[in-house]
Amino acid sequence: MRVGIIGLGDIARKAYLPVLTDREDIELVLCTRNAQTLELLQAKYRIAETAGSVEQLITAGIQAAFIHTATESHTQIAEQLITHGIHVFVDKPISYHYAECGRIAKLAEKNQVLLMVGFNRRYAPMVASLKSEADPRMVILQKNRIALPDVARRFIFDDFIHVVDTLRYLAPGEVKQVKVSPYIFEGQLYHITLQLEGDGFTCIGVMNRDSGVNEEVLEVMNPGNKWVVDGLNTTVHLANGEEKFLKFKDWDPVLYRRGFVDMTDHFLSCVREGKQPQISISDALESHRICELAVQEVERLGALTWESR
């Protein structure tokens, strides 16, 4: 299978190139406008073919593509690929605006190509294993950062969307109520709390980007049980007053632990076998829709709008 990688910045280098170049069942074509980066990575990974534009990549005859460019360019690139019948994997978010996300999703359905969004937590083993646990009553996820307040739309769609999607993934039923509580100072969003409620469950997401530590801690509770996942790396299961520690094997790679190995394998398998991804277009759109609701509420409460940056 011929597969393109568009955008060779930080996320592509850290998370995707190491995984994709380790596969023997695909032929990669690198694509970026930066000639120096293209030459460097072509040599490093011994990749035979490159492209300096999306148009060149399309003419190279690829069947699928991974989009790792800046968020602002996602929809334009996805539209080009989809209209040429190329299956698309795109970093979250599809767009900073929910309406644009919906337009691209409809285009993919019209052209009968796959569109999958990179929500890697769903494929991180420590998180995915909790999905099978019976009826969680409460889910709490904190994802905090050091000194990174920002305008609401970028804060929520570029970063907090992982919290939103993970809560939705672990929720045992339909979300019927959404509550948003932000802290805004001089138009910037510093921290936000999201509460998703349904029949018999509550999911709470917290992101403080004025914290003293970069951390990600997930807690899942049902009657008699509590699981605490720290940094996607370790899990503590508490039940009957006892603690059980779950951890990876020493040689399990970081990108497997963080879900990138299983996520990319799933997308490529879906392309090869002509089946729909576990993260359907409608499922991914729902996470974007909740993010849009959160942005609108935060801006209503006084945060700077995207246009007034």
Protein backbone atom coordinates (compact mmCIF):
# COMPACT_ATOMS: atom_id res chain seq x y z
CA MET A 1 0.00 0.00 0.00
CA ARG A 2 1.31 3.44 -0.93
CA VAL A 3 0.79 5.89 1.94
CA GLY A 4 1.53 9.59 2.14
CA ILE A 5 2.57 11.59 5.21
CA ILE A 6 1.80 15.29 4.87
CA GLY A 7 3.53 17.62 7.33
CA LEU A 8 6.76 16.52 8.97
CA GLY A 9 6.78 18.59 12.13
CA ASP A 10 6.99 17.64 15.79
CA ILE A 11 4.02 15.25 16.05
CA ALA A 12 4.92 13.43 12.83
CA ARG A 13 8.52 12.97 13.92
CA LYS A 14 7.75 11.91 17.49
CA ALA A 15 4.66 9.75 17.04
CA TYR A 16 4.04 8.65 13.46
CA LEU A 17 7.27 8.33 11.46
CA PRO A 18 8.86 5.90 13.96
CA VAL A 19 5.76 3.68 13.78
CA LEU A 20 5.09 3.86 10.04
CA THR A 21 8.71 3.41 8.96
CA ASP A 22 8.88 0.24 11.05
CA ARG A 23 6.21 -1.41 8.89
CA GLU A 24 7.09 -3.62 5.94
CA ASP A 25 3.64 -3.68 4.36
CA ILE A 26 3.48 -0.04 3.18
CA GLU A 27 5.46 2.21 0.87
CA LEU A 28 5.78 5.70 2.31
CA VAL A 29 5.86 8.98 0.39
CA LEU A 30 6.93 11.99 2.48
CA CYS A 31 5.37 15.37 1.71
CA THR A 32 6.32 18.84 2.92
CA ARG A 33 7.19 22.19 1.35
CA ASN A 34 10.35 22.38 3.46
CA ALA A 35 13.04 20.95 1.19
CA GLN A 36 15.63 20.73 3.96
CA THR A 37 13.32 18.74 6.22
CA LEU A 38 12.35 16.50 3.33
CA GLU A 39 15.97 15.71 2.51
CA LEU A 40 16.87 15.10 6.15
CA LEU A 41 14.03 12.69 6.88
CA GLN A 42 14.29 10.93 3.53
CA ALA A 43 17.91 10.10 4.33
CA LYS A 44 17.23 9.19 7.98
CA TYR A 45 14.47 6.69 7.16
CA ARG A 46 15.78 5.64 3.72
CA ILE A 47 12.54 6.56 1.99
CA ALA A 48 12.67 6.42 -1.79
CA GLU A 49 9.99 8.89 -2.79
CA THR A 50 9.02 12.40 -1.67
CA ALA A 51 6.70 15.21 -2.75
CA GLY A 52 6.92 18.96 -2.30
CA SER A 53 3.18 19.57 -2.50
CA VAL A 54 -0.14 17.82 -1.96
CA GLU A 55 -0.69 17.89 -5.72
CA GLN A 56 2.56 15.97 -6.29
CA LEU A 57 1.59 13.51 -3.58
CA ILE A 58 -1.76 12.82 -5.22
CA THR A 59 -0.12 12.15 -8.59
CA ALA A 60 2.21 9.67 -6.83
CA GLY A 61 -0.75 7.30 -6.63
CA ILE A 62 -1.17 6.96 -2.88
CA GLN A 63 -4.16 5.08 -1.44
CA ALA A 64 -4.16 6.72 1.99
CA ALA A 65 -2.60 9.71 3.71
CA PHE A 66 -1.79 10.94 7.20
CA ILE A 67 -2.25 14.71 7.70
CA HIS A 68 0.07 16.20 10.34
CA THR A 69 0.14 19.83 9.24
CA ALA A 70 -1.01 22.87 11.24
CA THR A 71 -4.69 22.70 12.18
CA GLU A 72 -5.58 25.67 9.98
CA SER A 73 -4.63 23.67 6.86
CA HIS A 74 -6.39 20.39 7.74
CA THR A 75 -9.65 20.98 5.90
CA GLN A 76 -8.07 22.23 2.67
CA ILE A 77 -5.68 19.28 2.47
CA ALA A 78 -8.35 16.76 3.49
CA GLU A 79 -10.68 18.12 0.81
CA GLN A 80 -8.01 17.71 -1.88
CA LEU A 81 -7.31 14.13 -0.87
CA ILE A 82 -10.93 13.08 -0.40
CA THR A 83 -12.04 14.42 -3.79
CA HIS A 84 -9.33 12.23 -5.36
CA GLY A 85 -10.61 9.12 -3.55
CA ILE A 86 -7.76 8.96 -1.02
CA HIS A 87 -8.49 7.70 2.50
CA VAL A 88 -7.56 10.22 5.21
CA PHE A 89 -6.20 10.02 8.72
CA VAL A 90 -6.04 13.50 10.27
CA ASP A 91 -4.65 14.75 13.55
CA LYS A 92 -7.26 16.12 15.90
CA PRO A 93 -9.04 18.43 15.38
CA ILE A 94 -10.37 18.22 11.85
CA SER A 95 -10.86 21.98 12.07
CA TYR A 96 -11.13 24.73 14.68
CA HIS A 97 -14.78 25.14 13.63
CA TYR A 98 -17.46 22.47 13.99
CA ALA A 99 -19.27 23.52 10.79
CA GLU A 100 -16.08 22.89 8.78
CA CYS A 101 -15.66 19.50 10.44
CA GLY A 102 -19.16 18.56 9.35
CA ARG A 103 -18.53 19.68 5.79
CA ILE A 104 -15.41 17.50 5.47
CA ALA A 105 -17.22 14.55 7.05
CA LYS A 106 -20.05 14.81 4.51
CA LEU A 107 -17.52 15.05 1.69
CA ALA A 108 -15.85 11.82 2.86
CA GLU A 109 -19.19 10.03 2.99
CA LYS A 110 -20.13 11.33 -0.47
CA ASN A 111 -16.84 10.12 -1.96
CA GLN A 112 -16.95 6.83 -0.01
CA VAL A 113 -13.53 7.23 1.55
CA LEU A 114 -12.46 6.72 5.14
CA LEU A 115 -11.93 9.71 7.41
CA MET A 116 -10.41 8.89 10.79
CA VAL A 117 -9.35 11.35 13.51
CA GLY A 118 -6.28 10.74 15.67
CA PHE A 119 -7.76 10.24 19.12
CA ASN A 120 -4.90 8.07 20.37
CA ARG A 121 -6.16 7.67 23.95
CA ARG A 122 -8.83 5.29 22.68
CA TYR A 123 -6.02 2.97 21.58
CA ALA A 124 -3.74 3.43 24.59
CA PRO A 125 -3.90 0.00 26.32
CA MET A 126 -4.32 1.38 29.84
CA VAL A 127 -7.37 3.39 28.72
CA ALA A 128 -8.80 0.90 26.22
CA SER A 129 -8.82 -1.85 28.88
CA LEU A 130 -11.16 0.26 31.03
CA LYS A 131 -13.71 0.47 28.26
CA SER A 132 -14.61 -3.17 28.92
CA GLU A 133 -15.14 -2.60 32.65
CA ALA A 134 -18.81 -2.84 33.61
CA ASP A 135 -20.86 0.34 33.85
CA PRO A 136 -18.58 3.10 35.15
CA ARG A 137 -20.60 5.49 37.29
CA MET A 138 -17.99 8.23 37.41
CA VAL A 139 -15.03 9.17 35.19
CA ILE A 140 -12.62 12.00 36.07
CA LEU A 141 -9.79 13.07 33.77
CA GLN A 142 -7.23 15.78 34.48
CA LYS A 143 -4.81 16.93 31.78
CA ASN A 144 -2.78 19.86 33.08
CA ARG A 145 0.05 21.96 31.67
CA ILE A 146 2.54 24.58 32.85
CA ALA A 147 1.95 28.26 31.94
CA LEU A 148 0.02 27.84 28.66
CA PRO A 149 -3.14 30.00 28.81
CA ASP A 150 -4.54 30.71 25.35
CA VAL A 151 -7.55 31.89 23.39
CA ALA A 152 -10.46 29.56 24.02
CA ARG A 153 -10.84 28.07 20.54
CA ARG A 154 -7.21 26.93 20.24
CA PHE A 155 -7.03 25.85 23.91
CA ILE A 156 -10.13 23.66 23.55
CA PHE A 157 -9.85 22.31 20.01
CA ASP A 158 -6.09 21.69 19.96
CA ASP A 159 -5.68 20.27 23.46
CA PHE A 160 -8.80 19.88 25.60
CA ILE A 161 -10.45 17.87 22.80
CA HIS A 162 -8.45 14.83 24.01
CA VAL A 163 -10.16 15.14 27.40
CA VAL A 164 -13.58 15.54 25.79
CA ASP A 165 -13.14 12.52 23.53
CA THR A 166 -11.74 10.26 26.25
CA LEU A 167 -14.66 11.05 28.56
CA ARG A 168 -17.10 10.32 25.74
CA TYR A 169 -15.30 7.07 24.90
CA LEU A 170 -15.51 5.81 28.48
CA ALA A 171 -19.04 7.06 29.16
CA PRO A 172 -21.39 4.05 29.41
CA GLY A 173 -24.29 5.76 27.67
CA GLU A 174 -25.61 8.80 25.86
CA VAL A 175 -24.48 12.20 27.15
CA LYS A 176 -27.61 14.22 27.89
CA GLN A 177 -26.22 17.27 29.71
CA VAL A 178 -23.08 19.34 29.15
CA LYS A 179 -21.83 21.88 31.70
CA VAL A 180 -18.82 24.15 31.24
CA SER A 181 -16.99 26.17 33.93
CA PRO A 182 -13.97 28.25 32.82
CA TYR A 183 -11.50 30.63 34.45
CA ILE A 184 -10.76 33.60 32.17
CA PHE A 185 -8.24 36.37 32.81
CA GLU A 186 -7.68 39.27 30.42
CA GLY A 187 -9.48 37.37 27.69
CA GLN A 188 -7.30 34.25 27.96
CA LEU A 189 -8.59 30.86 29.08
CA TYR A 190 -6.53 29.55 32.00
CA HIS A 191 -8.47 26.51 33.08
CA ILE A 192 -11.72 24.75 32.28
CA THR A 193 -13.95 22.11 33.84
CA LEU A 194 -16.38 20.10 31.74
CA GLN A 195 -19.15 17.90 33.14
CA LEU A 196 -20.95 15.36 30.96
CA GLU A 197 -23.98 13.65 32.45
CA GLY A 198 -26.23 10.79 31.37
CA ASP A 199 -28.44 8.19 32.96
CA GLY A 200 -26.56 6.93 36.01
CA PHE A 201 -23.15 8.42 35.22
CA THR A 202 -21.09 11.59 35.47
CA CYS A 203 -17.88 12.37 33.58
CA ILE A 204 -15.71 15.31 34.64
CA GLY A 205 -12.83 16.72 32.61
CA VAL A 206 -10.34 19.27 33.91
CA MET A 207 -7.58 21.14 32.11
CA ASN A 208 -5.49 23.70 33.97
CA ARG A 209 -2.93 25.34 31.70
CA ASP A 210 -1.57 27.43 34.55
CA SER A 211 -0.51 24.45 36.63
CA GLY A 212 2.79 23.54 38.24
CA VAL A 213 3.15 20.26 36.35
CA ASN A 214 2.45 18.58 33.03
CA GLU A 215 0.28 15.60 33.94
CA GLU A 216 -2.56 13.38 32.82
CA VAL A 217 -4.48 11.41 35.43
CA LEU A 218 -7.60 9.34 34.70
CA GLU A 219 -9.92 7.94 37.38
CA VAL A 220 -12.71 5.48 36.57
CA MET A 221 -15.14 4.30 39.25
CA ASN A 222 -17.99 1.82 39.47
CA PRO A 223 -19.54 0.17 42.55
CA GLY A 224 -16.71 -1.36 44.58
CA ASN A 225 -13.92 -0.44 42.16
CA LYS A 226 -11.65 2.43 41.25
CA TRP A 227 -8.94 2.56 38.61
CA VAL A 228 -6.32 5.33 38.44
CA VAL A 229 -4.30 5.64 35.23
CA ASP A 230 -1.26 7.91 35.46
CA GLY A 231 0.24 9.30 32.27
CA LEU A 232 -1.10 6.37 30.20
CA ASN A 233 1.73 4.30 31.72
CA THR A 234 0.53 2.74 34.99
CA THR A 235 -2.79 1.72 36.47
CA VAL A 236 -3.74 1.20 40.11
CA HIS A 237 -6.88 -0.88 40.72
CA LEU A 238 -8.43 -0.34 44.14
CA ALA A 239 -11.07 -2.77 45.42
CA ASN A 240 -12.01 -4.15 48.86
CA GLY A 241 -9.35 -2.02 50.51
CA GLU A 242 -6.59 -3.55 48.40
CA GLU A 243 -4.37 -2.09 45.67
CA LYS A 244 -3.28 -3.90 42.54
CA PHE A 245 -0.62 -2.29 40.36
CA LEU A 246 -0.70 -2.84 36.61
CA LYS A 247 2.19 -1.83 34.42
CA PHE A 248 3.68 -2.49 31.01
CA LYS A 249 6.51 -4.85 30.29
CA ASP A 250 9.92 -3.21 30.41
CA TRP A 251 10.41 -3.41 26.66
CA ASP A 252 6.97 -2.17 25.58
CA PRO A 253 7.70 0.96 23.50
CA VAL A 254 6.34 4.38 24.48
CA LEU A 255 4.38 4.79 21.24
CA TYR A 256 2.59 1.49 21.90
CA ARG A 257 1.78 2.63 25.43
CA ARG A 258 0.36 5.90 24.10
CA GLY A 259 -1.82 4.17 21.51
CA PHE A 260 -0.08 5.24 18.30
CA VAL A 261 0.93 1.72 17.24
CA ASP A 262 -2.56 0.23 17.52
CA MET A 263 -4.24 3.36 16.12
CA THR A 264 -2.17 3.52 12.93
CA ASP A 265 -2.46 -0.25 12.49
CA HIS A 266 -6.24 0.00 12.80
CA PHE A 267 -6.50 2.76 10.19
CA LEU A 268 -4.31 0.96 7.67
CA SER A 269 -6.18 -2.31 8.25
CA CYS A 270 -9.49 -0.53 7.61
CA VAL A 271 -8.13 0.90 4.35
CA ARG A 272 -6.79 -2.47 3.23
CA GLU A 273 -9.90 -4.44 4.19
CA GLY A 274 -12.48 -1.80 3.20
CA LYS A 275 -14.08 -1.58 6.64
CA GLN A 276 -15.13 1.39 8.75
CA PRO A 277 -12.87 2.56 11.62
CA GLN A 278 -13.95 2.08 15.20
CA ILE A 279 -14.00 5.88 15.47
CA SER A 280 -16.75 6.60 12.96
CA ILE A 281 -17.15 10.00 11.36
CA SER A 282 -20.28 10.69 13.41
CA ASP A 283 -18.51 9.64 16.61
CA ALA A 284 -15.57 11.96 15.97
CA LEU A 285 -17.93 14.79 15.07
CA GLU A 286 -19.69 14.51 18.42
CA SER A 287 -16.44 15.26 20.26
CA HIS A 288 -15.93 18.29 17.99
CA ARG A 289 -19.53 19.40 18.64
CA ILE A 290 -19.04 19.38 22.41
CA CYS A 291 -15.82 21.37 21.95
CA GLU A 292 -17.75 23.93 19.91
CA LEU A 293 -20.34 24.21 22.69
CA ALA A 294 -17.54 24.73 25.21
CA VAL A 295 -15.89 27.43 23.09
CA GLN A 296 -19.15 29.30 22.64
CA GLU A 297 -19.85 29.22 26.37
CA VAL A 298 -16.33 30.39 27.29
CA GLU A 299 -16.47 33.21 24.76
CA ARG A 300 -19.91 34.20 26.06
CA LEU A 301 -18.37 34.53 29.51
CA GLY A 302 -15.70 36.95 28.29
CA ALA A 303 -12.87 35.08 26.60
CA LEU A 304 -11.31 36.55 23.48
CA THR A 305 -12.90 35.33 20.29
CA TRP A 306 -10.85 33.76 17.52
CA GLU A 307 -11.34 36.86 15.37
CA SER A 308 -10.07 39.26 18.07
CA ARG A 309 -6.80 37.47 18.73
